[in-house]
C-alpha atoms as a PDB file:
ATOM      1  CA  UNK A   1       0.000   0.000   0.000  1.00  0.00           C
ATOM      2  CA  UNK A   2       1.189   3.485  -0.782  1.00  0.00           C
ATOM      3  CA  UNK A   3       0.120   5.122   2.466  1.00  0.00           C
ATOM      4  CA  UNK A   4       0.597   2.298   4.948  1.00  0.00           C
ATOM      5  CA  UNK A   5      -3.021   1.187   5.120  1.00  0.00           C
ATOM      6  CA  UNK A   6      -5.742   0.484   2.641  1.00  0.00           C
ATOM      7  CA  UNK A   7      -7.964   3.347   1.529  1.00  0.00           C
ATOM      8  CA  UNK A   8     -11.024   3.257  -0.640  1.00  0.00           C
ATOM      9  CA  UNK A   9      -9.632   4.993  -3.704  1.00  0.00           C
ATOM     10  CA  UNK A  10     -12.913   4.510  -5.549  1.00  0.00           C
ATOM     11  CA  UNK A  11     -14.138   7.495  -3.498  1.00  0.00           C
ATOM     12  CA  UNK A  12     -11.450   9.797  -4.943  1.00  0.00           C
ATOM     13  CA  UNK A  13     -12.817  12.343  -7.445  1.00  0.00           C
ATOM     14  CA  UNK A  14     -10.239  14.030  -9.633  1.00  0.00           C
ATOM     15  CA  UNK A  15     -12.431  16.619 -11.378  1.00  0.00           C
ATOM     16  CA  UNK A  16     -10.787  19.472  -9.413  1.00  0.00           C
ATOM     17  CA  UNK A  17      -8.431  20.136  -6.515  1.00  0.00           C
ATOM     18  CA  UNK A  18     -11.400  21.003  -4.319  1.00  0.00           C
ATOM     19  CA  UNK A  19     -13.197  17.747  -5.132  1.00  0.00           C
ATOM     20  CA  UNK A  20      -9.940  15.850  -4.693  1.00  0.00           C
ATOM     21  CA  UNK A  21      -9.411  17.239  -1.193  1.00  0.00           C
ATOM     22  CA  UNK A  22     -13.008  16.513  -0.125  1.00  0.00           C
ATOM     23  CA  UNK A  23     -12.913  12.968  -1.483  1.00  0.00           C
ATOM     24  CA  UNK A  24      -9.441  12.354   0.012  1.00  0.00           C
ATOM     25  CA  UNK A  25     -10.783  13.381   3.420  1.00  0.00           C
ATOM     26  CA  UNK A  26     -13.629  10.916   2.962  1.00  0.00           C
ATOM     27  CA  UNK A  27     -11.279   8.118   1.847  1.00  0.00           C
ATOM     28  CA  UNK A  28      -8.882   8.717   4.761  1.00  0.00           C
ATOM     29  CA  UNK A  29     -11.627   8.870   7.414  1.00  0.00           C
ATOM     30  CA  UNK A  30     -11.099  12.636   7.971  1.00  0.00           C
ATOM     31  CA  UNK A  31      -7.371  12.285   8.690  1.00  0.00           C
ATOM     32  CA  UNK A  32      -6.087  15.631   7.368  1.00  0.00           C
ATOM     33  CA  UNK A  33      -2.435  14.535   7.194  1.00  0.00           C
ATOM     34  CA  UNK A  34      -3.251  11.434   5.137  1.00  0.00           C
ATOM     35  CA  UNK A  35      -5.710  13.377   2.984  1.00  0.00           C
ATOM     36  CA  UNK A  36      -3.058  15.962   2.092  1.00  0.00           C
ATOM     37  CA  UNK A  37      -0.616  13.139   1.294  1.00  0.00           C
ATOM     38  CA  UNK A  38      -3.174  11.602  -1.047  1.00  0.00           C
ATOM     39  CA  UNK A  39      -3.838  15.021  -2.628  1.00  0.00           C
ATOM     40  CA  UNK A  40      -0.133  15.703  -3.119  1.00  0.00           C
ATOM     41  CA  UNK A  41       0.361  12.273  -4.657  1.00  0.00           C
ATOM     42  CA  UNK A  42      -2.547  12.687  -7.093  1.00  0.00           C
ATOM     43  CA  UNK A  43      -1.714  16.286  -8.041  1.00  0.00           C
ATOM     44  CA  UNK A  44       1.812  15.196  -8.971  1.00  0.00           C
ATOM     45  CA  UNK A  45       0.258  12.790 -11.468  1.00  0.00           C
ATOM     46  CA  UNK A  46      -2.292  15.399 -12.673  1.00  0.00           C
ATOM     47  CA  UNK A  47      -0.503  18.771 -12.743  1.00  0.00           C
ATOM     48  CA  UNK A  48      -3.198  20.555 -14.815  1.00  0.00           C
ATOM     49  CA  UNK A  49      -6.026  19.864 -12.353  1.00  0.00           C
ATOM     50  CA  UNK A  50      -8.365  22.900 -12.086  1.00  0.00           C
ATOM     51  CA  UNK A  51      -8.966  24.504  -8.683  1.00  0.00           C
ATOM     52  CA  UNK A  52     -12.763  24.099  -8.769  1.00  0.00           C
ATOM     53  CA  UNK A  53     -15.248  21.957 -10.667  1.00  0.00           C
ATOM     54  CA  UNK A  54     -16.494  23.415 -13.952  1.00  0.00           C
ATOM     55  CA  UNK A  55     -20.052  24.753 -13.839  1.00  0.00           C
ATOM     56  CA  UNK A  56     -22.408  22.391 -15.606  1.00  0.00           C
ATOM     57  CA  UNK A  57     -24.962  23.870 -17.999  1.00  0.00           C
ATOM     58  CA  UNK A  58     -28.566  23.921 -16.848  1.00  0.00           C
ATOM     59  CA  UNK A  59     -31.013  21.302 -18.065  1.00  0.00           C
ATOM     60  CA  UNK A  60     -32.662  23.850 -20.342  1.00  0.00           C
ATOM     61  CA  UNK A  61     -29.291  24.746 -21.892  1.00  0.00           C
ATOM     62  CA  UNK A  62     -28.573  21.050 -22.459  1.00  0.00           C
ATOM     63  CA  UNK A  63     -31.971  20.574 -24.135  1.00  0.00           C
ATOM     64  CA  UNK A  64     -31.397  23.629 -26.343  1.00  0.00           C
ATOM     65  CA  UNK A  65     -27.949  22.408 -27.385  1.00  0.00           C
ATOM     66  CA  UNK A  66     -29.257  18.931 -28.149  1.00  0.00           C
ATOM     67  CA  UNK A  67     -32.172  20.290 -30.205  1.00  0.00           C
ATOM     68  CA  UNK A  68     -29.838  22.638 -32.071  1.00  0.00           C
ATOM     69  CA  UNK A  69     -27.549  19.724 -32.888  1.00  0.00           C
ATOM     70  CA  UNK A  70     -30.424  17.574 -34.135  1.00  0.00           C
ATOM     71  CA  UNK A  71     -31.777  20.340 -36.384  1.00  0.00           C
ATOM     72  CA  UNK A  72     -28.309  21.119 -37.758  1.00  0.00           C
ATOM     73  CA  UNK A  73     -27.781  17.439 -38.506  1.00  0.00           C
ATOM     74  CA  UNK A  74     -31.181  17.240 -40.220  1.00  0.00           C
ATOM     75  CA  UNK A  75     -30.436  20.321 -42.284  1.00  0.00           C
ATOM     76  CA  UNK A  76     -27.026  19.015 -43.323  1.00  0.00           C
ATOM     77  CA  UNK A  77     -28.427  15.580 -44.255  1.00  0.00           C
ATOM     78  CA  UNK A  78     -31.740  16.679 -45.725  1.00  0.00           C
ATOM     79  CA  UNK A  79     -31.077  15.133 -49.142  1.00  0.00           C
ATOM     80  CA  UNK A  80     -30.217  11.759 -47.614  1.00  0.00           C
ATOM     81  CA  UNK A  81     -33.288  11.819 -45.376  1.00  0.00           C
ATOM     82  CA  UNK A  82     -35.592  12.639 -48.311  1.00  0.00           C
ATOM     83  CA  UNK A  83     -33.934   9.871 -50.338  1.00  0.00           C
ATOM     84  CA  UNK A  84     -34.616   7.303 -47.619  1.00  0.00           C
ATOM     85  CA  UNK A  85     -38.224   8.483 -47.209  1.00  0.00           C
ATOM     86  CA  UNK A  86     -38.753   8.324 -50.991  1.00  0.00           C
ATOM     87  CA  UNK A  87     -37.302   4.813 -51.084  1.00  0.00           C
ATOM     88  CA  UNK A  88     -39.678   3.653 -48.326  1.00  0.00           C
ATOM     89  CA  UNK A  89     -42.648   5.346 -49.996  1.00  0.00           C
ATOM     90  CA  UNK A  90     -41.660   3.745 -53.309  1.00  0.00           C
ATOM     91  CA  UNK A  91     -41.662   0.313 -51.685  1.00  0.00           C
ATOM     92  CA  UNK A  92     -45.136   1.020 -50.340  1.00  0.00           C
ATOM     93  CA  UNK A  93     -46.343   2.103 -53.796  1.00  0.00           C
ATOM     94  CA  UNK A  94     -46.977   5.719 -52.846  1.00  0.00           C
ATOM     95  CA  UNK A  95     -45.797   8.951 -54.465  1.00  0.00           C
ATOM     96  CA  UNK A  96     -42.374  10.150 -53.343  1.00  0.00           C
ATOM     97  CA  UNK A  97     -41.864  13.425 -51.502  1.00  0.00           C
ATOM     98  CA  UNK A  98     -41.181  16.509 -53.595  1.00  0.00           C
ATOM     99  CA  UNK A  99     -42.301  14.930 -56.869  1.00  0.00           C
ATOM    100  CA  UNK A 100     -45.813  15.850 -58.015  1.00  0.00           C
ATOM    101  CA  UNK A 101     -48.025  12.957 -59.076  1.00  0.00           C
ATOM    102  CA  UNK A 102     -47.786  12.178 -62.770  1.00  0.00           C
ATOM    103  CA  UNK A 103     -50.828  13.400 -64.700  1.00  0.00           C
ATOM    104  CA  UNK A 104     -51.408  12.132 -68.223  1.00  0.00           C
ATOM    105  CA  UNK A 105     -50.692  14.805 -70.820  1.00  0.00           C
ATOM    106  CA  UNK A 106     -54.020  14.422 -72.591  1.00  0.00           C
ATOM    107  CA  UNK A 107     -57.126  13.427 -70.769  1.00  0.00           C
ATOM    108  CA  UNK A 108     -60.338  12.486 -72.523  1.00  0.00           C
ATOM    109  CA  UNK A 109     -63.172  14.874 -71.855  1.00  0.00           C
ATOM    110  CA  UNK A 110     -65.348  14.021 -68.918  1.00  0.00           C
ATOM    111  CA  UNK A 111     -68.676  12.462 -69.808  1.00  0.00           C
ATOM    112  CA  UNK A 112     -71.683  14.665 -69.231  1.00  0.00           C
ATOM    113  CA  UNK A 113     -73.420  14.178 -65.922  1.00  0.00           C
ATOM    114  CA  UNK A 114     -76.828  12.645 -66.058  1.00  0.00           C
ATOM    115  CA  UNK A 115     -76.948  12.336 -69.631  1.00  0.00           C
END
């Protein structure tokens, strides 16, 4: 063992120095000396660790970003999507999207009604 006794290192969070210190205190049963040893050991391996955790976007911001991504993808792949839909409609025997139904060039006159 690195520190003389077994610690639960699954509790260690390395998202920031603040989270590292809190989780090291938890893993070392609130022994400040051991917690600082764990922190020093981990920060030597991760020198670019930020001081605090990054702020997560709100749920609404995440929904907006996801929706924006879906619409951008749909816009970029519109031709492929229409091609797939037309293929499925063709298999079902229906008219494809974006193509008007074919009308015969010359139609016979309609018979008179009632007569």
